[in-house]
């Protein structure tokens, strides 16, 4: 099974291209055996994070905003300079892509099989490397590897916010700003007037 942190990193990167849709079946990680030692990887508070990250298609970094509502387990991703945004509802296990220019919406199963709930450590093997400061936030650096053996160092806050991901000395993902403020329901509303279309393949 692919490591949860590596899967989350892949998910965040996959949301960047506008033609590609941040982790099976609707199973929560409370049904899986947690690791004895490791990071919290799902925010336990409402938060808005502005990320800078490496783009698979361009030498220049790209940016996106991530909004998380803890009580409803909903996430919204807004790629910079895009008319498209994505809303994931982990309770429904759905991912909805909303095109505000074309007034279209596509619904599909959320990527991955599990969500580690806030305050829980995901299954997997983790090694604590120390602490770091990213954008004025203290976080703990955890090393993990995916199923192919590629190591990643991910820095998480105590309340489960991802601040930085590094691989082989290269920063892939970095939080530029973090705001722990209530995220209103209106952010996650899918316009019912938008035409429902089949997901792109």
N, C-alpha and C. Protein backbone atom coordinates (compact mmCIF):
# COMPACT_ATOMS: atom_id res chain seq x y z
N UNK A 1 0.85 -1.19 0.00
CA UNK A 1 0.00 0.00 0.00
C UNK A 1 0.88 1.24 0.00
N UNK A 2 0.52 2.22 -0.80
CA UNK A 2 1.31 3.44 -0.88
C UNK A 2 1.22 4.20 0.43
N UNK A 3 2.34 4.74 0.87
CA UNK A 3 2.37 5.45 2.14
C UNK A 3 1.41 6.64 2.12
N UNK A 4 0.68 6.91 3.23
CA UNK A 4 -0.30 7.99 3.25
C UNK A 4 0.27 9.36 2.94
N UNK A 5 1.47 9.66 3.44
CA UNK A 5 2.05 10.98 3.16
C UNK A 5 2.39 11.10 1.68
N UNK A 6 3.00 10.06 1.13
CA UNK A 6 3.34 10.10 -0.29
C UNK A 6 2.09 10.22 -1.13
N UNK A 7 1.01 9.52 -0.73
CA UNK A 7 -0.24 9.62 -1.46
C UNK A 7 -0.80 11.03 -1.40
N UNK A 8 -0.73 11.65 -0.22
CA UNK A 8 -1.24 13.01 -0.06
C UNK A 8 -0.43 13.99 -0.92
N UNK A 9 0.90 13.80 -0.96
CA UNK A 9 1.73 14.66 -1.79
C UNK A 9 1.33 14.52 -3.26
N UNK A 10 1.16 13.27 -3.71
CA UNK A 10 0.77 13.04 -5.10
C UNK A 10 -0.56 13.69 -5.39
N UNK A 11 -1.49 13.59 -4.47
CA UNK A 11 -2.82 14.16 -4.66
C UNK A 11 -2.74 15.67 -4.82
N UNK A 12 -1.94 16.33 -3.96
CA UNK A 12 -1.81 17.78 -4.06
C UNK A 12 -1.22 18.17 -5.41
N UNK A 13 -0.22 17.42 -5.88
CA UNK A 13 0.40 17.76 -7.15
C UNK A 13 -0.55 17.52 -8.31
N UNK A 14 -1.38 16.49 -8.20
CA UNK A 14 -2.31 16.18 -9.28
C UNK A 14 -3.39 17.22 -9.43
N UNK A 15 -3.64 17.99 -8.41
CA UNK A 15 -4.69 19.01 -8.52
C UNK A 15 -4.21 20.23 -9.30
N UNK A 16 -2.91 20.31 -9.57
CA UNK A 16 -2.39 21.53 -10.17
C UNK A 16 -2.78 21.72 -11.64
N UNK A 17 -2.56 20.72 -12.52
CA UNK A 17 -2.94 20.93 -13.91
C UNK A 17 -4.45 21.07 -14.03
N UNK A 18 -4.91 21.98 -14.87
CA UNK A 18 -6.35 22.21 -14.98
C UNK A 18 -7.06 21.02 -15.59
N UNK A 19 -6.34 20.21 -16.36
CA UNK A 19 -6.99 19.08 -16.99
C UNK A 19 -6.98 17.83 -16.13
N UNK A 20 -6.37 17.92 -14.95
CA UNK A 20 -6.30 16.76 -14.06
C UNK A 20 -6.90 17.09 -12.72
N UNK A 21 -7.60 16.20 -12.21
CA UNK A 21 -8.22 16.45 -10.93
C UNK A 21 -7.25 16.23 -9.76
N UNK A 22 -6.70 16.06 -3.96
CA UNK A 22 -5.75 16.46 -3.03
C UNK A 22 -6.34 15.75 -2.28
N UNK A 23 -7.21 11.65 -0.85
CA UNK A 23 -6.10 10.88 -1.14
C UNK A 23 -6.77 9.82 -1.91
N UNK A 24 -10.92 3.93 -4.41
CA UNK A 24 -11.60 2.93 -3.78
C UNK A 24 -12.93 3.20 -3.16
N UNK A 25 -12.87 2.73 -2.17
CA UNK A 25 -14.17 2.69 -1.51
C UNK A 25 -14.21 3.70 -0.39
N UNK A 26 -15.42 4.13 0.06
CA UNK A 26 -15.50 5.15 1.10
C UNK A 26 -15.19 4.59 2.48
N UNK A 27 -13.90 4.40 2.77
CA UNK A 27 -13.47 3.84 4.04
C UNK A 27 -12.65 4.88 4.77
N UNK A 28 -12.96 5.12 6.02
CA UNK A 28 -12.16 6.03 6.83
C UNK A 28 -11.04 5.25 7.50
N UNK A 29 -9.94 5.94 7.77
CA UNK A 29 -8.76 5.27 8.30
C UNK A 29 -8.97 4.79 9.72
N UNK A 30 -10.07 5.15 10.37
CA UNK A 30 -10.32 4.63 11.70
C UNK A 30 -10.51 3.12 11.65
N UNK A 31 -10.76 2.57 10.44
CA UNK A 31 -10.93 1.14 10.30
C UNK A 31 -9.60 0.44 10.06
N UNK A 32 -8.52 1.21 9.87
CA UNK A 32 -7.22 0.63 9.65
C UNK A 32 -6.38 0.74 10.91
N UNK A 33 -5.34 -0.09 11.00
CA UNK A 33 -4.49 -0.08 12.18
C UNK A 33 -3.58 1.14 12.14
N UNK A 34 -3.64 2.04 13.15
CA UNK A 34 -2.80 3.23 13.14
C UNK A 34 -1.36 2.90 13.48
N UNK A 35 -0.46 3.77 13.04
CA UNK A 35 0.93 3.64 13.41
C UNK A 35 1.11 4.06 14.87
N UNK A 36 2.09 3.44 15.55
CA UNK A 36 2.33 3.78 16.95
C UNK A 36 3.00 5.14 17.07
N UNK A 37 3.74 5.55 16.05
CA UNK A 37 4.47 6.80 16.13
C UNK A 37 4.50 7.45 14.75
N UNK A 38 4.03 8.67 14.69
CA UNK A 38 4.02 9.35 13.40
C UNK A 38 3.24 10.64 13.49
N UNK A 39 3.05 11.30 12.36
CA UNK A 39 2.39 12.62 12.35
C UNK A 39 0.88 12.51 12.27
N UNK A 40 0.23 13.57 12.70
CA UNK A 40 -1.17 13.78 12.35
C UNK A 40 -1.17 14.42 10.97
N UNK A 41 -1.90 13.84 10.03
CA UNK A 41 -1.81 14.29 8.64
C UNK A 41 -3.10 14.93 8.13
N UNK A 42 -4.11 15.03 8.99
CA UNK A 42 -5.37 15.69 8.63
C UNK A 42 -5.64 16.79 9.64
N UNK A 43 -5.87 18.02 9.19
CA UNK A 43 -6.06 19.13 10.14
C UNK A 43 -7.23 18.89 11.09
N UNK A 44 -7.00 19.22 12.35
CA UNK A 44 -8.06 19.11 13.36
C UNK A 44 -8.77 20.44 13.57
N UNK A 45 -8.37 21.47 12.82
CA UNK A 45 -8.98 22.80 12.91
C UNK A 45 -9.32 23.29 11.51
N UNK A 46 -10.26 24.21 11.43
CA UNK A 46 -10.51 24.88 10.15
C UNK A 46 -9.27 25.69 9.78
N UNK A 47 -8.89 25.63 8.51
CA UNK A 47 -7.66 26.31 8.11
C UNK A 47 -7.71 26.64 6.62
N UNK A 48 -7.01 27.72 6.28
CA UNK A 48 -6.78 28.09 4.89
C UNK A 48 -5.27 28.21 4.69
N UNK A 49 -4.74 27.51 3.70
CA UNK A 49 -3.29 27.49 3.46
C UNK A 49 -3.02 27.88 2.01
N UNK A 50 -2.07 28.79 1.83
CA UNK A 50 -1.62 29.15 0.48
C UNK A 50 -0.30 28.43 0.23
N UNK A 51 -0.29 27.54 -0.78
CA UNK A 51 0.87 26.71 -1.06
C UNK A 51 1.59 27.16 -2.32
N UNK A 52 2.91 26.99 -2.29
CA UNK A 52 3.73 27.07 -3.49
C UNK A 52 4.32 25.69 -3.72
N UNK A 53 4.30 25.24 -4.97
CA UNK A 53 4.80 23.89 -5.22
C UNK A 53 5.36 23.75 -6.63
N UNK A 54 6.14 22.69 -6.77
CA UNK A 54 6.75 22.38 -8.06
C UNK A 54 5.66 21.93 -9.02
N UNK A 55 5.75 22.41 -10.25
CA UNK A 55 4.79 22.01 -11.28
C UNK A 55 5.37 20.91 -12.14
N UNK A 56 4.58 19.87 -12.44
CA UNK A 56 5.06 18.82 -13.35
C UNK A 56 5.23 19.33 -14.78
N UNK A 57 4.57 20.44 -15.13
CA UNK A 57 4.58 20.92 -16.51
C UNK A 57 5.45 22.16 -16.75
N UNK A 58 5.93 22.80 -15.70
CA UNK A 58 6.62 24.08 -15.89
C UNK A 58 7.81 24.19 -14.95
N UNK A 59 8.87 24.90 -15.37
CA UNK A 59 10.00 25.12 -14.46
C UNK A 59 9.68 26.13 -13.37
N UNK A 60 8.60 26.88 -13.55
CA UNK A 60 8.21 27.87 -12.55
C UNK A 60 7.29 27.24 -11.51
N UNK A 61 7.35 27.69 -10.26
CA UNK A 61 6.45 27.15 -9.24
C UNK A 61 5.02 27.60 -9.50
N UNK A 62 4.10 26.83 -8.97
CA UNK A 62 2.68 27.17 -9.07
C UNK A 62 2.13 27.32 -7.66
N UNK A 63 0.95 27.92 -7.57
CA UNK A 63 0.35 28.20 -6.26
C UNK A 63 -1.09 27.70 -6.23
N UNK A 64 -1.53 27.36 -5.04
CA UNK A 64 -2.93 27.02 -4.87
C UNK A 64 -3.33 27.27 -3.42
N UNK A 65 -4.61 27.54 -3.24
CA UNK A 65 -5.17 27.72 -1.91
C UNK A 65 -5.92 26.46 -1.51
N UNK A 66 -5.73 26.04 -0.27
CA UNK A 66 -6.44 24.89 0.27
C UNK A 66 -7.27 25.35 1.46
N UNK A 67 -8.56 25.05 1.43
CA UNK A 67 -9.46 25.35 2.54
C UNK A 67 -9.93 24.03 3.14
N UNK A 68 -9.93 23.96 4.47
CA UNK A 68 -10.34 22.73 5.16
C UNK A 68 -11.33 23.06 6.25
N UNK A 69 -12.46 22.34 6.24
CA UNK A 69 -13.47 22.47 7.29
C UNK A 69 -13.47 21.17 8.09
N UNK A 70 -13.02 21.26 9.34
CA UNK A 70 -12.74 20.06 10.12
C UNK A 70 -13.99 19.26 10.47
N UNK A 71 -15.07 19.92 10.86
CA UNK A 71 -16.25 19.19 11.32
C UNK A 71 -16.91 18.40 10.20
N UNK A 72 -16.89 18.93 8.99
CA UNK A 72 -17.55 18.24 7.88
C UNK A 72 -16.60 17.40 7.03
N UNK A 73 -15.29 17.47 7.35
CA UNK A 73 -14.28 16.76 6.57
C UNK A 73 -14.37 17.12 5.08
N UNK A 74 -14.45 18.42 4.82
CA UNK A 74 -14.49 18.89 3.44
C UNK A 74 -13.26 19.75 3.13
N UNK A 75 -12.80 19.61 1.90
CA UNK A 75 -11.62 20.34 1.44
C UNK A 75 -11.93 21.02 0.11
N UNK A 76 -11.44 22.23 -0.03
CA UNK A 76 -11.55 22.93 -1.32
C UNK A 76 -10.16 23.33 -1.79
N UNK A 77 -9.89 23.08 -3.07
CA UNK A 77 -8.62 23.45 -3.68
C UNK A 77 -8.89 24.47 -4.79
N UNK A 78 -8.19 25.60 -4.72
CA UNK A 78 -8.30 26.64 -5.75
C UNK A 78 -6.93 26.86 -6.39
N UNK A 79 -6.67 26.26 -7.56
CA UNK A 79 -5.42 26.56 -8.26
C UNK A 79 -5.39 28.03 -8.67
N UNK A 80 -4.21 28.62 -8.59
CA UNK A 80 -4.06 30.04 -8.90
C UNK A 80 -4.39 30.33 -10.37
N UNK A 81 -5.06 31.45 -10.61
CA UNK A 81 -5.40 31.90 -11.96
C UNK A 81 -6.22 30.87 -12.73
N UNK A 82 -7.09 30.19 -12.04
CA UNK A 82 -7.93 29.18 -12.67
C UNK A 82 -9.40 29.45 -12.38
N UNK A 83 -10.24 29.14 -13.36
CA UNK A 83 -11.69 29.25 -13.17
C UNK A 83 -12.27 27.98 -12.59
N UNK A 84 -11.41 27.01 -12.34
CA UNK A 84 -11.84 25.71 -11.83
C UNK A 84 -11.43 25.57 -10.37
N UNK A 85 -12.31 25.03 -9.56
CA UNK A 85 -11.94 24.65 -8.20
C UNK A 85 -12.49 23.26 -7.90
N UNK A 86 -11.96 22.63 -6.87
CA UNK A 86 -12.31 21.25 -6.53
C UNK A 86 -12.74 21.16 -5.07
N UNK A 87 -13.82 20.46 -4.82
CA UNK A 87 -14.31 20.24 -3.47
C UNK A 87 -14.37 18.74 -3.21
N UNK A 88 -13.69 18.31 -2.16
CA UNK A 88 -13.73 16.91 -1.75
C UNK A 88 -14.52 16.80 -0.46
N UNK A 89 -15.51 15.92 -0.46
CA UNK A 89 -16.27 15.60 0.75
C UNK A 89 -15.90 14.19 1.16
N UNK A 90 -15.16 14.08 2.27
CA UNK A 90 -14.72 12.75 2.68
C UNK A 90 -15.84 11.95 3.32
N UNK A 91 -16.86 12.60 3.83
CA UNK A 91 -18.00 11.86 4.38
C UNK A 91 -18.79 11.20 3.25
N UNK A 92 -18.89 11.88 2.12
CA UNK A 92 -19.58 11.32 0.96
C UNK A 92 -18.63 10.56 0.03
N UNK A 93 -17.35 10.74 0.26
CA UNK A 93 -16.28 10.19 -0.59
C UNK A 93 -16.46 10.62 -2.04
N UNK A 94 -16.69 11.90 -2.23
CA UNK A 94 -16.85 12.45 -3.58
C UNK A 94 -15.87 13.59 -3.81
N UNK A 95 -15.47 13.75 -5.05
CA UNK A 95 -14.67 14.87 -5.51
C UNK A 95 -15.46 15.57 -6.61
N UNK A 96 -15.74 16.84 -6.43
CA UNK A 96 -16.50 17.61 -7.42
C UNK A 96 -15.60 18.68 -8.02
N UNK A 97 -15.51 18.68 -9.33
CA UNK A 97 -14.76 19.70 -10.06
C UNK A 97 -15.75 20.71 -10.61
N UNK A 98 -15.55 21.97 -10.25
CA UNK A 98 -16.48 23.04 -10.62
C UNK A 98 -15.80 24.00 -11.59
N UNK A 99 -16.41 24.17 -12.76
CA UNK A 99 -15.92 25.09 -13.79
C UNK A 99 -16.80 26.33 -13.76
N UNK A 100 -16.27 27.43 -13.21
CA UNK A 100 -17.08 28.63 -13.04
C UNK A 100 -17.28 29.41 -14.34
N UNK A 101 -16.43 29.16 -15.34
CA UNK A 101 -16.61 29.82 -16.64
C UNK A 101 -17.65 29.09 -17.49
N UNK A 102 -17.51 27.77 -17.55
CA UNK A 102 -18.45 26.98 -18.34
C UNK A 102 -19.72 26.63 -17.62
N UNK A 103 -19.79 26.98 -16.32
CA UNK A 103 -20.95 26.66 -15.48
C UNK A 103 -21.25 25.16 -15.55
N UNK A 104 -20.17 24.38 -15.31
CA UNK A 104 -20.29 22.92 -15.33
C UNK A 104 -19.73 22.35 -14.04
N UNK A 105 -20.20 21.15 -13.70
CA UNK A 105 -19.69 20.44 -12.52
C UNK A 105 -19.60 18.96 -12.85
N UNK A 106 -18.53 18.34 -12.34
CA UNK A 106 -18.32 16.91 -12.53
C UNK A 106 -18.10 16.27 -11.17
N UNK A 107 -18.76 15.17 -10.91
CA UNK A 107 -18.63 14.46 -9.64
C UNK A 107 -18.03 13.09 -9.89
N UNK A 108 -17.10 12.71 -9.05
CA UNK A 108 -16.44 11.40 -9.17
C UNK A 108 -16.05 10.93 -7.78
N UNK A 109 -15.67 9.66 -7.63
CA UNK A 109 -15.20 9.19 -6.32
C UNK A 109 -13.93 9.93 -5.91
N UNK A 110 -13.81 10.23 -4.64
CA UNK A 110 -12.59 10.86 -4.13
C UNK A 110 -11.41 9.91 -4.32
N UNK A 111 -10.23 10.44 -4.64
CA UNK A 111 -9.06 9.58 -4.84
C UNK A 111 -8.69 8.84 -3.56
N UNK A 112 -8.18 7.63 -3.71
CA UNK A 112 -7.71 6.87 -2.56
C UNK A 112 -8.83 6.16 -1.84
N UNK A 113 -8.44 5.31 -0.91
CA UNK A 113 -9.41 4.47 -0.21
C UNK A 113 -9.67 4.92 1.21
N UNK A 114 -8.75 5.67 1.81
CA UNK A 114 -8.90 5.98 3.22
C UNK A 114 -8.60 7.44 3.50
N UNK A 115 -9.16 7.91 4.58
CA UNK A 115 -8.82 9.22 5.14
C UNK A 115 -8.46 9.01 6.60
N UNK A 116 -7.27 9.42 6.98
CA UNK A 116 -6.90 9.39 8.38
C UNK A 116 -7.61 10.54 9.09
N UNK A 117 -8.40 10.22 10.08
CA UNK A 117 -9.20 11.23 10.75
C UNK A 117 -8.32 12.18 11.57
N UNK A 118 -8.78 13.40 11.82
CA UNK A 118 -8.00 14.33 12.64
C UNK A 118 -7.66 13.73 14.00
N UNK A 119 -6.43 13.95 14.44
CA UNK A 119 -6.00 13.43 15.73
C UNK A 119 -5.56 11.99 15.71
N UNK A 120 -5.50 11.38 14.52
CA UNK A 120 -5.04 10.00 14.41
C UNK A 120 -3.77 9.95 13.56
N UNK A 121 -2.94 8.96 13.86
CA UNK A 121 -1.71 8.73 13.10
C UNK A 121 -2.01 7.67 12.04
N UNK A 122 -1.64 7.89 10.79
CA UNK A 122 -1.96 6.92 9.75
C UNK A 122 -1.10 5.67 9.84
N UNK A 123 -1.56 4.58 9.22
CA UNK A 123 -0.70 3.40 9.12
C UNK A 123 0.56 3.74 8.33
N UNK A 124 1.63 3.03 8.60
CA UNK A 124 2.86 3.27 7.86
C UNK A 124 4.05 3.37 8.78
N UNK A 125 5.21 3.55 8.18
CA UNK A 125 6.47 3.66 8.92
C UNK A 125 6.99 5.09 8.79
N UNK A 126 7.28 5.71 9.93
CA UNK A 126 7.72 7.10 9.95
C UNK A 126 8.95 7.23 10.85
N UNK A 127 9.84 8.15 10.47
CA UNK A 127 11.01 8.45 11.30
C UNK A 127 11.05 9.95 11.56
N UNK A 128 11.06 10.31 12.82
CA UNK A 128 11.09 11.71 13.20
C UNK A 128 12.50 12.26 13.05
N UNK A 129 12.64 13.35 12.27
CA UNK A 129 13.95 13.92 12.01
C UNK A 129 14.24 15.16 12.85
N UNK A 130 13.21 15.79 13.36
CA UNK A 130 13.41 17.02 14.12
C UNK A 130 12.27 17.99 13.87
N UNK A 131 12.55 19.26 14.10
CA UNK A 131 11.53 20.29 13.89
C UNK A 131 12.05 21.36 12.94
N UNK A 132 11.13 22.16 12.43
CA UNK A 132 11.49 23.23 11.50
C UNK A 132 10.49 24.36 11.66
N UNK A 133 10.83 25.52 11.13
CA UNK A 133 9.92 26.66 11.08
C UNK A 133 9.63 26.96 9.62
N UNK A 134 8.37 26.93 9.27
CA UNK A 134 7.94 27.22 7.90
C UNK A 134 6.88 28.30 7.96
N UNK A 135 7.16 29.43 7.34
CA UNK A 135 6.22 30.56 7.34
C UNK A 135 5.76 30.93 8.75
N UNK A 136 6.70 30.91 9.68
CA UNK A 136 6.40 31.29 11.05
C UNK A 136 5.68 30.24 11.86
N UNK A 137 5.53 29.03 11.30
CA UNK A 137 4.83 27.95 11.98
C UNK A 137 5.82 26.84 12.35
N UNK A 138 5.72 26.36 13.59
CA UNK A 138 6.56 25.25 14.02
C UNK A 138 5.95 23.94 13.53
N UNK A 139 6.80 23.08 12.96
CA UNK A 139 6.31 21.78 12.50
C UNK A 139 7.37 20.72 12.76
N UNK A 140 6.93 19.48 12.75
CA UNK A 140 7.82 18.33 12.95
C UNK A 140 8.06 17.65 11.62
N UNK A 141 9.34 17.36 11.33
CA UNK A 141 9.71 16.73 10.07
C UNK A 141 9.70 15.21 10.25
N UNK A 142 8.94 14.54 9.39
CA UNK A 142 8.83 13.08 9.40
C UNK A 142 9.30 12.53 8.06
N UNK A 143 10.15 11.50 8.13
CA UNK A 143 10.61 10.85 6.89
C UNK A 143 9.80 9.58 6.67
N UNK A 144 9.39 9.39 5.43
CA UNK A 144 8.64 8.20 5.05
C UNK A 144 9.00 7.85 3.62
N UNK A 145 8.56 6.69 3.16
CA UNK A 145 8.88 6.25 1.80
C UNK A 145 7.64 5.65 1.17
N UNK A 146 7.53 5.82 -0.16
CA UNK A 146 6.40 5.22 -0.85
C UNK A 146 6.72 3.77 -1.19
N UNK A 147 5.81 3.12 -1.92
CA UNK A 147 5.97 1.69 -2.19
C UNK A 147 7.16 1.39 -3.09
N UNK A 148 7.67 2.42 -3.78
CA UNK A 148 8.85 2.25 -4.62
C UNK A 148 10.14 2.60 -3.90
N UNK A 149 10.04 2.95 -2.61
CA UNK A 149 11.22 3.26 -1.82
C UNK A 149 11.69 4.69 -1.90
N UNK A 150 10.93 5.57 -2.54
CA UNK A 150 11.31 6.98 -2.64
C UNK A 150 10.99 7.69 -1.33
N UNK A 151 12.01 8.28 -0.71
CA UNK A 151 11.82 8.93 0.58
C UNK A 151 11.32 10.37 0.42
N UNK A 152 10.48 10.78 1.36
CA UNK A 152 9.99 12.15 1.43
C UNK A 152 10.08 12.62 2.87
N UNK A 153 10.43 13.89 3.06
CA UNK A 153 10.42 14.51 4.38
C UNK A 153 9.28 15.51 4.42
N UNK A 154 8.28 15.22 5.25
CA UNK A 154 7.09 16.06 5.34
C UNK A 154 7.04 16.71 6.71
N UNK A 155 6.76 18.01 6.72
CA UNK A 155 6.71 18.76 7.98
C UNK A 155 5.26 19.09 8.31
N UNK A 156 4.77 18.54 9.42
CA UNK A 156 3.39 18.73 9.85
C UNK A 156 3.35 19.45 11.20
N UNK A 157 2.35 20.30 11.36
CA UNK A 157 2.11 20.93 12.65
C UNK A 157 1.44 19.93 13.58
N UNK A 158 1.36 20.29 14.86
CA UNK A 158 0.73 19.40 15.83
C UNK A 158 -0.76 19.23 15.56
N UNK A 159 -1.37 20.19 14.87
CA UNK A 159 -2.79 20.05 14.56
C UNK A 159 -3.02 19.58 13.13
N UNK A 160 -2.00 18.93 12.54
CA UNK A 160 -2.20 18.19 11.30
C UNK A 160 -2.12 18.98 10.01
N UNK A 161 -1.50 20.15 10.02
CA UNK A 161 -1.40 20.96 8.80
C UNK A 161 -0.06 20.70 8.12
N UNK A 162 -0.10 20.35 6.85
CA UNK A 162 1.11 20.12 6.07
C UNK A 162 1.73 21.46 5.69
N UNK A 163 3.01 21.65 6.06
CA UNK A 163 3.69 22.91 5.77
C UNK A 163 4.76 22.79 4.70
N UNK A 164 5.38 21.61 4.60
CA UNK A 164 6.46 21.48 3.62
C UNK A 164 6.71 20.02 3.29
N UNK A 165 7.08 19.78 2.03
CA UNK A 165 7.49 18.45 1.58
C UNK A 165 8.80 18.59 0.83
N UNK A 166 9.76 17.75 1.18
CA UNK A 166 11.07 17.80 0.55
C UNK A 166 11.46 16.40 0.10
N UNK A 167 12.05 16.30 -1.09
CA UNK A 167 12.57 15.04 -1.60
C UNK A 167 13.96 15.27 -2.17
N UNK A 168 14.92 14.49 -1.68
CA UNK A 168 16.30 14.58 -2.16
C UNK A 168 16.82 16.02 -2.14
N UNK A 169 16.50 16.72 -1.06
CA UNK A 169 16.98 18.08 -0.88
C UNK A 169 16.23 19.14 -1.67
N UNK A 170 15.20 18.74 -2.37
CA UNK A 170 14.41 19.67 -3.18
C UNK A 170 13.04 19.87 -2.55
N UNK A 171 12.66 21.12 -2.31
CA UNK A 171 11.35 21.41 -1.73
C UNK A 171 10.30 21.32 -2.83
N UNK A 172 9.34 20.41 -2.65
CA UNK A 172 8.28 20.23 -3.63
C UNK A 172 7.03 21.03 -3.28
N UNK A 173 6.75 21.12 -1.99
CA UNK A 173 5.55 21.81 -1.51
C UNK A 173 5.95 22.65 -0.31
N UNK A 174 5.46 23.90 -0.25
CA UNK A 174 5.75 24.76 0.89
C UNK A 174 4.57 25.69 1.13
N UNK A 175 4.16 25.78 2.38
CA UNK A 175 3.10 26.71 2.76
C UNK A 175 3.68 28.11 2.89
N UNK A 176 3.08 29.06 2.19
CA UNK A 176 3.53 30.45 2.27
C UNK A 176 2.74 31.23 3.32
N UNK A 177 1.52 30.80 3.59
CA UNK A 177 0.71 31.42 4.63
C UNK A 177 -0.27 30.41 5.19
N UNK A 178 -0.57 30.55 6.47
CA UNK A 178 -1.50 29.65 7.17
C UNK A 178 -2.44 30.50 8.00
N UNK A 179 -3.74 30.32 7.82
CA UNK A 179 -4.73 31.06 8.59
C UNK A 179 -5.71 30.07 9.22
N UNK A 180 -5.64 29.97 10.54
CA UNK A 180 -6.57 29.10 11.27
C UNK A 180 -7.83 29.91 11.60
N UNK A 181 -8.71 29.96 10.66
CA UNK A 181 -9.96 30.70 10.81
C UNK A 181 -11.11 29.82 10.36
N UNK A 182 -12.32 30.05 10.90
CA UNK A 182 -13.47 29.24 10.47
C UNK A 182 -13.68 29.34 8.96
N UNK A 183 -13.90 28.19 8.34
CA UNK A 183 -14.14 28.14 6.90
C UNK A 183 -15.64 27.97 6.67
N UNK A 184 -16.30 28.97 6.10
CA UNK A 184 -17.76 28.95 6.00
C UNK A 184 -18.27 27.89 5.03
N UNK A 185 -19.50 27.43 5.27
CA UNK A 185 -20.11 26.43 4.40
C UNK A 185 -20.19 26.90 2.96
N UNK A 186 -20.32 28.22 2.76
CA UNK A 186 -20.47 28.75 1.41
C UNK A 186 -19.28 28.42 0.51
N UNK A 187 -18.11 28.22 1.10
CA UNK A 187 -16.92 27.87 0.32
C UNK A 187 -17.07 26.52 -0.36
N UNK A 188 -17.86 25.64 0.23
CA UNK A 188 -17.93 24.25 -0.23
C UNK A 188 -19.23 23.94 -0.97
N UNK A 189 -20.03 24.96 -1.20
CA UNK A 189 -21.30 24.76 -1.91
C UNK A 189 -21.04 24.52 -3.39
N UNK A 190 -21.72 23.51 -3.94
CA UNK A 190 -21.65 23.23 -5.37
C UNK A 190 -22.87 23.86 -6.03
N UNK A 191 -22.69 24.78 -6.97
CA UNK A 191 -23.85 25.43 -7.60
C UNK A 191 -24.76 24.42 -8.29
N UNK A 192 -25.99 24.32 -7.84
CA UNK A 192 -26.93 23.36 -8.42
C UNK A 192 -27.35 23.75 -9.82
N UNK A 193 -27.23 25.03 -10.15
CA UNK A 193 -27.63 25.48 -11.49
C UNK A 193 -26.61 25.10 -12.56
N UNK A 194 -25.41 24.68 -12.15
CA UNK A 194 -24.39 24.30 -13.12
C UNK A 194 -24.75 22.96 -13.77
N UNK A 195 -24.43 22.81 -15.03
CA UNK A 195 -24.72 21.57 -15.75
C UNK A 195 -23.83 20.45 -15.24
N UNK A 196 -24.42 19.29 -15.03
CA UNK A 196 -23.66 18.11 -14.62
C UNK A 196 -23.10 17.43 -15.86
N UNK A 197 -21.78 17.23 -15.87
CA UNK A 197 -21.13 16.58 -17.01
C UNK A 197 -20.30 15.41 -16.50
N UNK A 198 -20.02 14.47 -17.38
CA UNK A 198 -19.22 13.31 -17.02
C UNK A 198 -17.78 13.75 -16.76
N UNK A 199 -17.10 13.12 -15.81
CA UNK A 199 -15.71 13.48 -15.53
C UNK A 199 -14.82 13.25 -16.75
N UNK A 200 -13.81 14.10 -16.89
CA UNK A 200 -12.84 13.93 -17.97
C UNK A 200 -12.02 12.68 -17.73
N UNK A 201 -11.67 11.98 -18.79
CA UNK A 201 -10.89 10.75 -18.66
C UNK A 201 -9.55 10.91 -19.38
